N, C-alpha and C. Protein backbone atom coordinates (compact mmCIF):
# COMPACT_ATOMS: atom_id res chain seq x y z
N MET A 1 114.40 103.15 -24.65
CA MET A 1 115.68 102.56 -25.02
C MET A 1 116.00 101.37 -24.13
N ALA A 2 116.59 100.36 -24.72
CA ALA A 2 117.00 99.21 -23.93
C ALA A 2 118.37 99.50 -23.36
N HIS A 3 118.39 100.25 -22.29
CA HIS A 3 119.62 100.80 -21.75
C HIS A 3 119.59 100.62 -20.25
N ASP A 4 119.28 99.35 -19.83
CA ASP A 4 118.94 99.15 -18.45
C ASP A 4 119.72 98.02 -17.79
N HIS A 5 120.97 97.79 -18.22
CA HIS A 5 121.76 96.75 -17.58
C HIS A 5 122.40 97.33 -16.32
N PRO A 6 122.07 96.83 -15.12
CA PRO A 6 122.57 97.43 -13.89
C PRO A 6 124.07 97.28 -13.72
N GLU A 7 124.64 96.15 -14.17
CA GLU A 7 126.08 95.96 -14.07
C GLU A 7 126.66 95.92 -15.47
N HIS A 8 127.57 96.82 -15.74
CA HIS A 8 128.06 96.97 -17.12
C HIS A 8 129.54 96.61 -17.12
N HIS A 9 129.86 95.31 -17.04
CA HIS A 9 131.26 94.89 -17.05
C HIS A 9 131.72 94.76 -18.49
N HIS A 10 132.79 95.40 -18.80
CA HIS A 10 133.27 95.44 -20.19
C HIS A 10 134.64 94.83 -20.32
N ASP A 11 134.95 94.40 -21.52
CA ASP A 11 136.30 93.96 -21.82
C ASP A 11 137.21 95.19 -21.86
N ASN A 12 138.48 94.96 -21.61
CA ASN A 12 139.43 96.03 -21.83
C ASN A 12 139.60 96.25 -23.31
N GLU A 13 140.13 97.42 -23.67
CA GLU A 13 140.33 97.72 -25.10
C GLU A 13 141.11 96.61 -25.77
N LEU A 14 142.18 96.12 -25.08
CA LEU A 14 142.97 95.02 -25.61
C LEU A 14 143.01 93.91 -24.56
N ASP A 15 142.52 92.74 -24.92
CA ASP A 15 142.64 91.61 -24.00
C ASP A 15 144.07 91.10 -24.09
N PRO A 16 144.49 90.18 -23.21
CA PRO A 16 145.88 89.71 -23.20
C PRO A 16 146.35 89.19 -24.55
N MET A 17 145.51 88.40 -25.24
CA MET A 17 145.91 87.87 -26.54
C MET A 17 146.10 88.99 -27.55
N ALA A 18 145.15 89.95 -27.59
CA ALA A 18 145.26 91.06 -28.53
C ALA A 18 146.50 91.90 -28.23
N ALA A 19 146.80 92.06 -26.94
CA ALA A 19 147.98 92.84 -26.56
C ALA A 19 149.26 92.15 -27.05
N ARG A 20 149.31 90.82 -26.93
CA ARG A 20 150.49 90.09 -27.41
C ARG A 20 150.62 90.21 -28.92
N VAL A 21 149.47 90.10 -29.63
CA VAL A 21 149.49 90.23 -31.08
C VAL A 21 149.99 91.62 -31.48
N ARG A 22 149.48 92.65 -30.78
CA ARG A 22 149.90 94.02 -31.10
C ARG A 22 151.40 94.19 -30.86
N ALA A 23 151.93 93.62 -29.77
CA ALA A 23 153.35 93.74 -29.48
C ALA A 23 154.18 93.03 -30.55
N LEU A 24 153.72 91.83 -30.95
CA LEU A 24 154.44 91.09 -31.98
C LEU A 24 154.42 91.84 -33.30
N GLU A 25 153.27 92.41 -33.63
CA GLU A 25 153.16 93.18 -34.87
C GLU A 25 154.14 94.35 -34.87
N THR A 26 154.24 95.03 -33.72
CA THR A 26 155.15 96.17 -33.62
C THR A 26 156.59 95.76 -33.82
N ILE A 27 156.99 94.65 -33.19
CA ILE A 27 158.37 94.17 -33.30
C ILE A 27 158.68 93.79 -34.74
N LEU A 28 157.78 93.01 -35.38
CA LEU A 28 158.02 92.57 -36.75
C LEU A 28 158.06 93.74 -37.72
N THR A 29 157.22 94.74 -37.48
CA THR A 29 157.22 95.93 -38.33
C THR A 29 158.53 96.70 -38.20
N GLU A 30 158.98 96.88 -36.93
CA GLU A 30 160.22 97.61 -36.71
C GLU A 30 161.42 96.90 -37.33
N LYS A 31 161.38 95.58 -37.38
CA LYS A 31 162.48 94.82 -37.97
C LYS A 31 162.36 94.72 -39.51
N GLY A 32 161.26 95.29 -40.03
CA GLY A 32 161.06 95.27 -41.48
C GLY A 32 160.63 93.93 -42.02
N LEU A 33 160.10 93.08 -41.17
CA LEU A 33 159.70 91.74 -41.59
C LEU A 33 158.26 91.68 -42.08
N VAL A 34 157.46 92.65 -41.74
CA VAL A 34 156.07 92.70 -42.22
C VAL A 34 155.77 94.11 -42.70
N ASP A 35 154.86 94.19 -43.63
CA ASP A 35 154.43 95.47 -44.18
C ASP A 35 153.12 95.87 -43.49
N PRO A 36 153.09 97.00 -42.78
CA PRO A 36 151.86 97.42 -42.10
C PRO A 36 150.66 97.51 -43.05
N LYS A 37 150.91 97.86 -44.32
CA LYS A 37 149.81 97.96 -45.27
C LYS A 37 149.20 96.58 -45.55
N ALA A 38 150.06 95.57 -45.57
CA ALA A 38 149.57 94.21 -45.78
C ALA A 38 148.71 93.76 -44.60
N ILE A 39 149.15 94.11 -43.41
CA ILE A 39 148.37 93.78 -42.21
C ILE A 39 147.03 94.50 -42.25
N ASP A 40 147.05 95.77 -42.64
CA ASP A 40 145.81 96.52 -42.73
C ASP A 40 144.84 95.87 -43.72
N ALA A 41 145.39 95.37 -44.81
CA ALA A 41 144.54 94.73 -45.82
C ALA A 41 143.91 93.46 -45.27
N ILE A 42 144.69 92.69 -44.51
CA ILE A 42 144.17 91.47 -43.90
C ILE A 42 143.08 91.80 -42.88
N VAL A 43 143.35 92.80 -42.05
CA VAL A 43 142.37 93.21 -41.05
C VAL A 43 141.07 93.66 -41.72
N ASP A 44 141.21 94.43 -42.81
CA ASP A 44 140.03 94.90 -43.53
C ASP A 44 139.22 93.72 -44.06
N THR A 45 139.92 92.71 -44.54
CA THR A 45 139.23 91.52 -45.07
C THR A 45 138.38 90.87 -43.98
N TYR A 46 138.97 90.70 -42.80
CA TYR A 46 138.22 90.03 -41.73
C TYR A 46 137.17 90.95 -41.11
N GLU A 47 137.42 92.24 -41.17
CA GLU A 47 136.48 93.19 -40.58
C GLU A 47 135.25 93.37 -41.45
N THR A 48 135.42 93.45 -42.76
CA THR A 48 134.30 93.82 -43.63
C THR A 48 133.84 92.72 -44.57
N LYS A 49 134.65 91.66 -44.74
CA LYS A 49 134.29 90.65 -45.74
C LYS A 49 134.05 89.29 -45.09
N VAL A 50 135.11 88.64 -44.60
CA VAL A 50 134.97 87.29 -44.08
C VAL A 50 134.15 87.27 -42.79
N GLY A 51 134.52 88.11 -41.83
CA GLY A 51 133.88 88.11 -40.52
C GLY A 51 132.37 88.23 -40.57
N PRO A 52 131.83 89.28 -41.15
CA PRO A 52 130.38 89.47 -41.16
C PRO A 52 129.59 88.44 -41.96
N ARG A 53 130.27 87.59 -42.72
CA ARG A 53 129.55 86.58 -43.51
C ARG A 53 128.81 85.60 -42.59
N ASN A 54 129.36 85.35 -41.40
CA ASN A 54 128.66 84.46 -40.46
C ASN A 54 127.31 85.05 -40.09
N GLY A 55 127.33 86.29 -39.68
CA GLY A 55 126.08 86.95 -39.30
C GLY A 55 125.12 87.06 -40.46
N ALA A 56 125.65 87.28 -41.66
CA ALA A 56 124.80 87.39 -42.85
C ALA A 56 124.06 86.08 -43.09
N ARG A 57 124.72 84.98 -42.84
CA ARG A 57 124.07 83.68 -43.04
C ARG A 57 122.98 83.46 -41.98
N VAL A 58 123.22 83.95 -40.76
CA VAL A 58 122.20 83.85 -39.72
C VAL A 58 120.96 84.65 -40.13
N VAL A 59 121.17 85.88 -40.59
CA VAL A 59 120.06 86.74 -40.99
C VAL A 59 119.31 86.12 -42.17
N ALA A 60 120.07 85.63 -43.15
CA ALA A 60 119.44 85.05 -44.34
C ALA A 60 118.57 83.85 -43.97
N LYS A 61 119.03 83.04 -43.04
CA LYS A 61 118.22 81.89 -42.61
C LYS A 61 116.97 82.36 -41.88
N ALA A 62 117.10 83.40 -41.07
CA ALA A 62 115.94 83.94 -40.36
C ALA A 62 114.91 84.50 -41.35
N TRP A 63 115.39 85.12 -42.42
CA TRP A 63 114.49 85.66 -43.44
C TRP A 63 113.74 84.55 -44.16
N SER A 64 114.39 83.42 -44.36
CA SER A 64 113.81 82.40 -45.22
C SER A 64 113.16 81.25 -44.45
N ASP A 65 113.41 81.18 -43.15
CA ASP A 65 112.93 80.06 -42.34
C ASP A 65 112.23 80.59 -41.10
N PRO A 66 110.89 80.71 -41.12
CA PRO A 66 110.15 81.25 -39.97
C PRO A 66 110.41 80.51 -38.66
N GLU A 67 110.60 79.21 -38.75
CA GLU A 67 110.87 78.44 -37.53
C GLU A 67 112.20 78.85 -36.91
N PHE A 68 113.21 79.02 -37.78
CA PHE A 68 114.51 79.46 -37.27
C PHE A 68 114.42 80.88 -36.73
N ALA A 69 113.66 81.73 -37.41
CA ALA A 69 113.50 83.12 -36.95
C ALA A 69 112.89 83.15 -35.55
N GLY A 70 111.90 82.29 -35.31
CA GLY A 70 111.30 82.24 -33.99
C GLY A 70 112.30 81.78 -32.94
N TRP A 71 113.11 80.78 -33.30
CA TRP A 71 114.15 80.28 -32.39
C TRP A 71 115.17 81.39 -32.12
N LEU A 72 115.56 82.11 -33.16
CA LEU A 72 116.52 83.19 -33.01
C LEU A 72 116.00 84.27 -32.07
N GLN A 73 114.72 84.52 -32.15
CA GLN A 73 114.11 85.54 -31.30
C GLN A 73 114.04 85.08 -29.84
N ARG A 74 113.78 83.77 -29.64
CA ARG A 74 113.65 83.25 -28.29
C ARG A 74 115.00 83.00 -27.63
N ASP A 75 115.94 82.45 -28.39
CA ASP A 75 117.23 82.05 -27.83
C ASP A 75 118.30 82.19 -28.91
N ALA A 76 118.76 83.40 -29.09
CA ALA A 76 119.71 83.68 -30.17
C ALA A 76 121.00 82.91 -30.00
N THR A 77 121.46 82.75 -28.77
CA THR A 77 122.72 82.07 -28.54
C THR A 77 122.68 80.65 -29.10
N GLU A 78 121.63 79.91 -28.79
CA GLU A 78 121.53 78.53 -29.25
C GLU A 78 121.26 78.46 -30.75
N ALA A 79 120.40 79.35 -31.24
CA ALA A 79 120.08 79.33 -32.67
C ALA A 79 121.32 79.62 -33.50
N ILE A 80 122.09 80.59 -33.09
CA ILE A 80 123.32 80.92 -33.82
C ILE A 80 124.33 79.78 -33.72
N ALA A 81 124.46 79.20 -32.52
CA ALA A 81 125.40 78.10 -32.32
C ALA A 81 125.04 76.90 -33.18
N SER A 82 123.75 76.72 -33.48
CA SER A 82 123.32 75.58 -34.30
C SER A 82 123.88 75.67 -35.71
N LEU A 83 124.27 76.87 -36.12
CA LEU A 83 124.87 77.04 -37.44
C LEU A 83 126.39 76.97 -37.39
N GLY A 84 126.92 76.74 -36.19
CA GLY A 84 128.36 76.59 -36.04
C GLY A 84 129.08 77.86 -35.66
N TYR A 85 128.33 78.92 -35.32
CA TYR A 85 128.96 80.18 -34.99
C TYR A 85 128.83 80.42 -33.48
N ALA A 86 129.92 80.18 -32.77
CA ALA A 86 129.93 80.36 -31.33
C ALA A 86 131.35 80.67 -30.91
N GLY A 87 131.51 80.94 -29.63
CA GLY A 87 132.86 81.17 -29.14
C GLY A 87 132.99 82.51 -28.48
N ARG A 88 134.24 82.92 -28.32
CA ARG A 88 134.54 84.14 -27.58
C ARG A 88 133.80 85.34 -28.17
N GLN A 89 133.30 86.18 -27.30
CA GLN A 89 132.57 87.40 -27.65
C GLN A 89 131.16 87.11 -28.20
N GLY A 90 130.78 85.85 -28.22
CA GLY A 90 129.45 85.55 -28.72
C GLY A 90 128.73 84.51 -27.89
N GLU A 91 129.15 84.39 -26.62
CA GLU A 91 128.57 83.37 -25.77
C GLU A 91 127.11 83.65 -25.43
N HIS A 92 126.76 84.91 -25.28
CA HIS A 92 125.39 85.28 -24.91
C HIS A 92 124.89 86.34 -25.88
N MET A 93 123.99 85.89 -26.75
CA MET A 93 123.51 86.75 -27.82
C MET A 93 122.01 87.00 -27.72
N GLN A 94 121.61 88.16 -28.20
CA GLN A 94 120.18 88.47 -28.37
C GLN A 94 120.00 89.06 -29.75
N ALA A 95 119.02 88.55 -30.48
CA ALA A 95 118.71 89.09 -31.81
C ALA A 95 117.53 90.06 -31.66
N VAL A 96 117.67 91.21 -32.29
CA VAL A 96 116.60 92.21 -32.27
C VAL A 96 116.19 92.45 -33.72
N PHE A 97 114.91 92.38 -33.96
CA PHE A 97 114.38 92.39 -35.31
C PHE A 97 113.82 93.76 -35.68
N ASN A 98 114.33 94.33 -36.79
CA ASN A 98 113.74 95.55 -37.30
C ASN A 98 112.35 95.26 -37.83
N THR A 99 111.47 96.23 -37.72
CA THR A 99 110.12 96.14 -38.28
C THR A 99 109.87 97.45 -39.04
N PRO A 100 108.76 97.53 -39.78
CA PRO A 100 108.47 98.79 -40.46
C PRO A 100 108.32 99.96 -39.49
N ASP A 101 108.03 99.68 -38.23
CA ASP A 101 107.80 100.74 -37.25
C ASP A 101 108.97 100.97 -36.31
N THR A 102 109.89 100.02 -36.22
CA THR A 102 110.98 100.12 -35.24
C THR A 102 112.32 99.76 -35.89
N HIS A 103 113.31 100.60 -35.64
CA HIS A 103 114.67 100.34 -36.13
C HIS A 103 115.58 100.19 -34.91
N ASN A 104 116.38 99.14 -34.91
CA ASN A 104 117.28 98.87 -33.79
C ASN A 104 118.71 99.30 -34.10
N LEU A 105 119.38 99.82 -33.07
CA LEU A 105 120.75 100.31 -33.20
C LEU A 105 121.54 99.78 -32.01
N VAL A 106 122.72 99.24 -32.28
CA VAL A 106 123.55 98.67 -31.22
C VAL A 106 124.76 99.55 -30.95
N VAL A 107 125.08 99.70 -29.67
CA VAL A 107 126.24 100.48 -29.27
C VAL A 107 126.80 99.84 -28.02
N CYS A 108 128.04 100.15 -27.68
CA CYS A 108 128.59 99.79 -26.39
C CYS A 108 129.07 101.09 -25.80
N THR A 109 128.38 101.60 -24.78
CA THR A 109 128.61 102.97 -24.34
C THR A 109 129.93 103.17 -23.61
N LEU A 110 130.49 102.12 -23.01
CA LEU A 110 131.70 102.31 -22.23
C LEU A 110 132.97 101.78 -22.89
N CYS A 111 132.84 100.87 -23.84
CA CYS A 111 134.05 100.40 -24.53
C CYS A 111 133.68 99.87 -25.90
N SER A 112 133.83 98.57 -26.15
CA SER A 112 133.59 98.08 -27.52
C SER A 112 133.11 96.63 -27.52
N CYS A 113 132.22 96.27 -26.61
CA CYS A 113 131.70 94.90 -26.61
C CYS A 113 131.01 94.64 -27.94
N TYR A 114 131.31 93.50 -28.55
CA TYR A 114 130.94 93.28 -29.94
C TYR A 114 130.93 91.78 -30.22
N PRO A 115 129.94 91.26 -30.96
CA PRO A 115 129.85 89.82 -31.20
C PRO A 115 130.77 89.34 -32.32
N TRP A 116 132.02 89.11 -31.98
CA TRP A 116 133.02 88.73 -33.00
C TRP A 116 132.63 87.49 -33.76
N SER A 117 131.97 86.53 -33.11
CA SER A 117 131.68 85.26 -33.77
C SER A 117 130.74 85.41 -34.96
N VAL A 118 129.94 86.47 -34.98
CA VAL A 118 129.03 86.65 -36.11
C VAL A 118 129.33 87.90 -36.93
N LEU A 119 130.08 88.84 -36.39
CA LEU A 119 130.34 90.07 -37.13
C LEU A 119 131.82 90.32 -37.40
N GLY A 120 132.69 89.42 -36.99
CA GLY A 120 134.10 89.64 -37.23
C GLY A 120 134.66 90.70 -36.30
N LEU A 121 135.66 91.45 -36.78
CA LEU A 121 136.29 92.49 -35.97
C LEU A 121 135.42 93.74 -35.92
N PRO A 122 135.39 94.40 -34.76
CA PRO A 122 134.59 95.64 -34.68
C PRO A 122 135.23 96.76 -35.50
N PRO A 123 134.41 97.54 -36.21
CA PRO A 123 134.96 98.67 -36.96
C PRO A 123 135.51 99.74 -36.01
N VAL A 124 136.44 100.52 -36.50
CA VAL A 124 137.08 101.55 -35.66
C VAL A 124 136.04 102.52 -35.10
N TRP A 125 135.06 102.91 -35.92
CA TRP A 125 134.10 103.91 -35.46
C TRP A 125 133.23 103.38 -34.33
N TYR A 126 133.02 102.06 -34.28
CA TYR A 126 132.19 101.47 -33.22
C TYR A 126 132.85 101.68 -31.85
N LYS A 127 134.20 101.68 -31.83
CA LYS A 127 134.94 101.84 -30.59
C LYS A 127 135.20 103.29 -30.23
N ALA A 128 134.92 104.20 -31.16
CA ALA A 128 135.25 105.61 -30.95
C ALA A 128 134.26 106.30 -29.99
N PRO A 129 134.76 107.14 -29.09
CA PRO A 129 133.89 107.84 -28.13
C PRO A 129 132.72 108.61 -28.77
N PRO A 130 132.91 109.28 -29.91
CA PRO A 130 131.77 110.01 -30.49
C PRO A 130 130.58 109.10 -30.79
N TYR A 131 130.84 107.93 -31.37
CA TYR A 131 129.73 107.02 -31.66
C TYR A 131 129.12 106.49 -30.37
N ARG A 132 129.96 106.11 -29.43
CA ARG A 132 129.48 105.50 -28.20
C ARG A 132 128.59 106.45 -27.40
N SER A 133 128.87 107.74 -27.48
CA SER A 133 128.06 108.69 -26.73
C SER A 133 126.87 109.19 -27.55
N ARG A 134 127.09 109.49 -28.80
CA ARG A 134 126.03 110.11 -29.60
C ARG A 134 124.95 109.13 -30.03
N ALA A 135 125.30 107.84 -30.12
CA ALA A 135 124.30 106.86 -30.52
C ALA A 135 123.15 106.82 -29.53
N VAL A 136 123.43 107.10 -28.29
CA VAL A 136 122.39 107.11 -27.25
C VAL A 136 121.68 108.45 -27.21
N ILE A 137 122.44 109.54 -27.33
CA ILE A 137 121.86 110.88 -27.20
C ILE A 137 121.10 111.29 -28.44
N ASP A 138 121.67 110.99 -29.61
CA ASP A 138 121.07 111.43 -30.87
C ASP A 138 121.14 110.32 -31.91
N PRO A 139 120.43 109.21 -31.68
CA PRO A 139 120.54 108.09 -32.61
C PRO A 139 120.09 108.44 -34.03
N ARG A 140 119.07 109.27 -34.16
CA ARG A 140 118.58 109.63 -35.49
C ARG A 140 119.65 110.43 -36.26
N GLY A 141 120.32 111.31 -35.54
CA GLY A 141 121.39 112.08 -36.17
C GLY A 141 122.56 111.22 -36.58
N VAL A 142 122.92 110.25 -35.72
CA VAL A 142 124.01 109.33 -36.03
C VAL A 142 123.66 108.50 -37.27
N LEU A 143 122.43 108.00 -37.32
CA LEU A 143 122.01 107.20 -38.48
C LEU A 143 122.08 108.03 -39.76
N ALA A 144 121.71 109.28 -39.67
CA ALA A 144 121.76 110.15 -40.85
C ALA A 144 123.18 110.28 -41.38
N GLU A 145 124.16 110.28 -40.48
CA GLU A 145 125.55 110.35 -40.90
C GLU A 145 125.99 109.08 -41.62
N PHE A 146 125.30 107.99 -41.38
CA PHE A 146 125.54 106.74 -42.11
C PHE A 146 124.62 106.62 -43.32
N ASP A 147 123.95 107.72 -43.68
CA ASP A 147 123.02 107.76 -44.81
C ASP A 147 121.79 106.88 -44.60
N VAL A 148 121.43 106.68 -43.34
CA VAL A 148 120.20 105.97 -43.01
C VAL A 148 119.19 107.02 -42.55
N ILE A 149 118.29 107.40 -43.43
CA ILE A 149 117.29 108.42 -43.12
C ILE A 149 115.96 107.71 -42.91
N LEU A 150 115.47 107.76 -41.70
CA LEU A 150 114.23 107.06 -41.37
C LEU A 150 113.09 108.04 -41.20
N PRO A 151 111.86 107.60 -41.48
CA PRO A 151 110.70 108.48 -41.25
C PRO A 151 110.61 108.89 -39.79
N GLU A 152 110.10 110.07 -39.53
CA GLU A 152 109.97 110.55 -38.17
C GLU A 152 109.10 109.63 -37.33
N THR A 153 108.22 108.90 -37.98
CA THR A 153 107.32 108.00 -37.25
C THR A 153 108.00 106.69 -36.84
N THR A 154 109.20 106.42 -37.37
CA THR A 154 109.90 105.19 -37.03
C THR A 154 110.57 105.35 -35.68
N LYS A 155 110.28 104.43 -34.78
CA LYS A 155 110.92 104.43 -33.45
C LYS A 155 112.32 103.85 -33.58
N ILE A 156 113.28 104.47 -32.91
CA ILE A 156 114.64 103.97 -32.91
C ILE A 156 114.95 103.45 -31.51
N ARG A 157 115.28 102.18 -31.42
CA ARG A 157 115.58 101.58 -30.12
C ARG A 157 117.06 101.29 -30.04
N VAL A 158 117.72 101.78 -29.01
CA VAL A 158 119.16 101.64 -28.85
C VAL A 158 119.44 100.55 -27.81
N TRP A 159 120.29 99.62 -28.19
CA TRP A 159 120.66 98.50 -27.33
C TRP A 159 122.12 98.65 -26.92
N ASP A 160 122.39 98.55 -25.62
CA ASP A 160 123.73 98.75 -25.09
C ASP A 160 124.38 97.40 -24.81
N SER A 161 125.37 97.04 -25.60
CA SER A 161 126.06 95.77 -25.42
C SER A 161 126.89 95.78 -24.15
N THR A 162 127.02 94.59 -23.56
CA THR A 162 127.91 94.41 -22.41
C THR A 162 128.73 93.16 -22.64
N ALA A 163 129.66 92.89 -21.73
CA ALA A 163 130.44 91.66 -21.84
C ALA A 163 129.57 90.43 -21.65
N GLU A 164 128.42 90.60 -20.97
CA GLU A 164 127.52 89.48 -20.71
C GLU A 164 126.50 89.27 -21.82
N LEU A 165 126.18 90.30 -22.58
CA LEU A 165 125.12 90.19 -23.58
C LEU A 165 125.42 91.09 -24.78
N ARG A 166 125.43 90.49 -25.95
CA ARG A 166 125.70 91.22 -27.19
C ARG A 166 124.55 91.04 -28.16
N TYR A 167 124.41 91.96 -29.07
CA TYR A 167 123.22 92.01 -29.92
C TYR A 167 123.54 91.85 -31.39
N LEU A 168 122.58 91.25 -32.10
CA LEU A 168 122.62 91.15 -33.54
C LEU A 168 121.31 91.72 -34.08
N VAL A 169 121.42 92.74 -34.92
CA VAL A 169 120.22 93.31 -35.54
C VAL A 169 119.86 92.48 -36.77
N VAL A 170 118.59 92.08 -36.84
CA VAL A 170 118.09 91.41 -38.05
C VAL A 170 117.36 92.48 -38.87
N PRO A 171 118.00 92.96 -39.94
CA PRO A 171 117.36 94.04 -40.73
C PRO A 171 116.14 93.54 -41.46
N LEU A 172 115.36 94.48 -41.95
CA LEU A 172 114.19 94.13 -42.75
C LEU A 172 114.65 93.46 -44.05
N ARG A 173 113.92 92.46 -44.45
CA ARG A 173 114.24 91.79 -45.72
C ARG A 173 113.83 92.72 -46.87
N PRO A 174 114.73 92.96 -47.81
CA PRO A 174 114.41 93.86 -48.92
C PRO A 174 113.28 93.33 -49.79
N ALA A 175 112.53 94.23 -50.35
CA ALA A 175 111.48 93.85 -51.30
C ALA A 175 112.11 93.27 -52.56
N GLY A 176 111.36 92.44 -53.25
CA GLY A 176 111.84 91.89 -54.50
C GLY A 176 112.77 90.71 -54.36
N THR A 177 112.78 90.10 -53.16
CA THR A 177 113.70 88.97 -52.93
C THR A 177 112.95 87.64 -52.78
N GLU A 178 111.69 87.64 -53.16
CA GLU A 178 110.94 86.40 -53.11
C GLU A 178 111.63 85.37 -54.02
N GLY A 179 111.78 84.18 -53.53
CA GLY A 179 112.40 83.15 -54.33
C GLY A 179 113.92 83.13 -54.24
N PHE A 180 114.52 84.09 -53.54
CA PHE A 180 115.97 84.08 -53.38
C PHE A 180 116.39 82.92 -52.49
N SER A 181 117.52 82.32 -52.77
CA SER A 181 118.08 81.29 -51.90
C SER A 181 118.73 81.96 -50.69
N GLU A 182 119.06 81.16 -49.67
CA GLU A 182 119.73 81.74 -48.51
C GLU A 182 121.07 82.36 -48.91
N GLU A 183 121.76 81.73 -49.84
CA GLU A 183 123.04 82.27 -50.29
C GLU A 183 122.86 83.65 -50.95
N GLN A 184 121.83 83.76 -51.76
CA GLN A 184 121.56 85.05 -52.41
C GLN A 184 121.14 86.10 -51.39
N LEU A 185 120.33 85.70 -50.43
CA LEU A 185 119.90 86.65 -49.38
C LEU A 185 121.08 87.12 -48.56
N ALA A 186 122.01 86.20 -48.25
CA ALA A 186 123.16 86.57 -47.43
C ALA A 186 124.00 87.67 -48.08
N GLU A 187 124.01 87.69 -49.41
CA GLU A 187 124.78 88.71 -50.13
C GLU A 187 124.20 90.12 -49.92
N LEU A 188 122.97 90.19 -49.45
CA LEU A 188 122.32 91.49 -49.24
C LEU A 188 122.53 92.03 -47.84
N VAL A 189 123.09 91.20 -46.96
CA VAL A 189 123.25 91.57 -45.56
C VAL A 189 124.64 92.15 -45.33
N THR A 190 124.71 93.37 -44.84
CA THR A 190 125.99 94.02 -44.58
C THR A 190 126.28 94.02 -43.09
N ARG A 191 127.54 94.21 -42.77
CA ARG A 191 127.91 94.34 -41.36
C ARG A 191 127.14 95.46 -40.70
N ASP A 192 127.08 96.64 -41.35
CA ASP A 192 126.42 97.78 -40.74
C ASP A 192 124.93 97.52 -40.52
N SER A 193 124.30 96.75 -41.41
CA SER A 193 122.87 96.47 -41.22
C SER A 193 122.64 95.60 -40.01
N MET A 194 123.67 94.83 -39.59
CA MET A 194 123.53 93.97 -38.41
C MET A 194 123.93 94.70 -37.13
N ILE A 195 124.47 95.91 -37.26
CA ILE A 195 124.71 96.78 -36.12
C ILE A 195 123.55 97.77 -36.00
N GLY A 196 122.94 98.07 -37.13
CA GLY A 196 121.83 99.02 -37.16
C GLY A 196 122.21 100.34 -37.79
N THR A 197 123.47 100.50 -38.19
CA THR A 197 123.90 101.74 -38.84
C THR A 197 123.76 101.65 -40.35
N GLY A 198 123.11 100.62 -40.82
CA GLY A 198 122.86 100.46 -42.24
C GLY A 198 121.59 99.67 -42.46
N LEU A 199 121.20 99.55 -43.71
CA LEU A 199 120.05 98.75 -44.12
C LEU A 199 120.56 97.62 -45.02
N ALA A 200 119.79 96.58 -45.14
CA ALA A 200 120.16 95.52 -46.07
C ALA A 200 120.14 96.09 -47.49
N LEU A 201 120.98 95.55 -48.35
CA LEU A 201 121.06 96.02 -49.72
C LEU A 201 119.83 95.58 -50.51
N THR A 202 119.44 96.37 -51.45
CA THR A 202 118.39 95.93 -52.37
C THR A 202 119.03 95.04 -53.42
N PRO A 203 118.25 94.20 -54.10
CA PRO A 203 118.83 93.35 -55.14
C PRO A 203 119.57 94.16 -56.20
N GLU A 204 119.09 95.36 -56.50
CA GLU A 204 119.73 96.18 -57.52
C GLU A 204 121.08 96.70 -57.06
N ALA A 205 121.22 96.92 -55.74
CA ALA A 205 122.46 97.51 -55.24
C ALA A 205 123.51 96.46 -54.88
N ALA A 206 123.10 95.21 -54.83
CA ALA A 206 124.05 94.15 -54.42
C ALA A 206 125.09 93.91 -55.49
């Protein structure tokens, strides 16, 4: 397991900006000026739809452009930044590529370090203690709970994110996608597949 960072400095659960946003949300909700359900809908959009689209485009380009894939493997931070995706929570990135023999899974064991610039907002389960602990102890069991059943011969490698280094999983390209454009390929890439708790969609399932 890639679980060997000697210094594990993490962000707090809420950074100062997030804390101010949370306080403002509470005040506006109490005054009846905003609907919590509307906020939840917006958050869901950025968590599962808009946010992960950046990462999906990175993966799609890696699938279709061997030169970019090599750059992504050597220096993910620069390769990702070349597409315009950089900034807070994504300053230092490493891309890990799934293969037929190895499946990669990302976790942050002490809090919720997460590459916002390519994956949007972290899902609630990513920050939850059960995932953070069990992903390391029983990664195969955790994957099964996400309906990812891998052959016993497949090695599962767990990567522990820190505030200094965050990971992007490049899932296996689905069969039957020869001739797909980058835009079509990006539609097959899910947020969970870039964390490792999912697989890329097949053309039939997209």
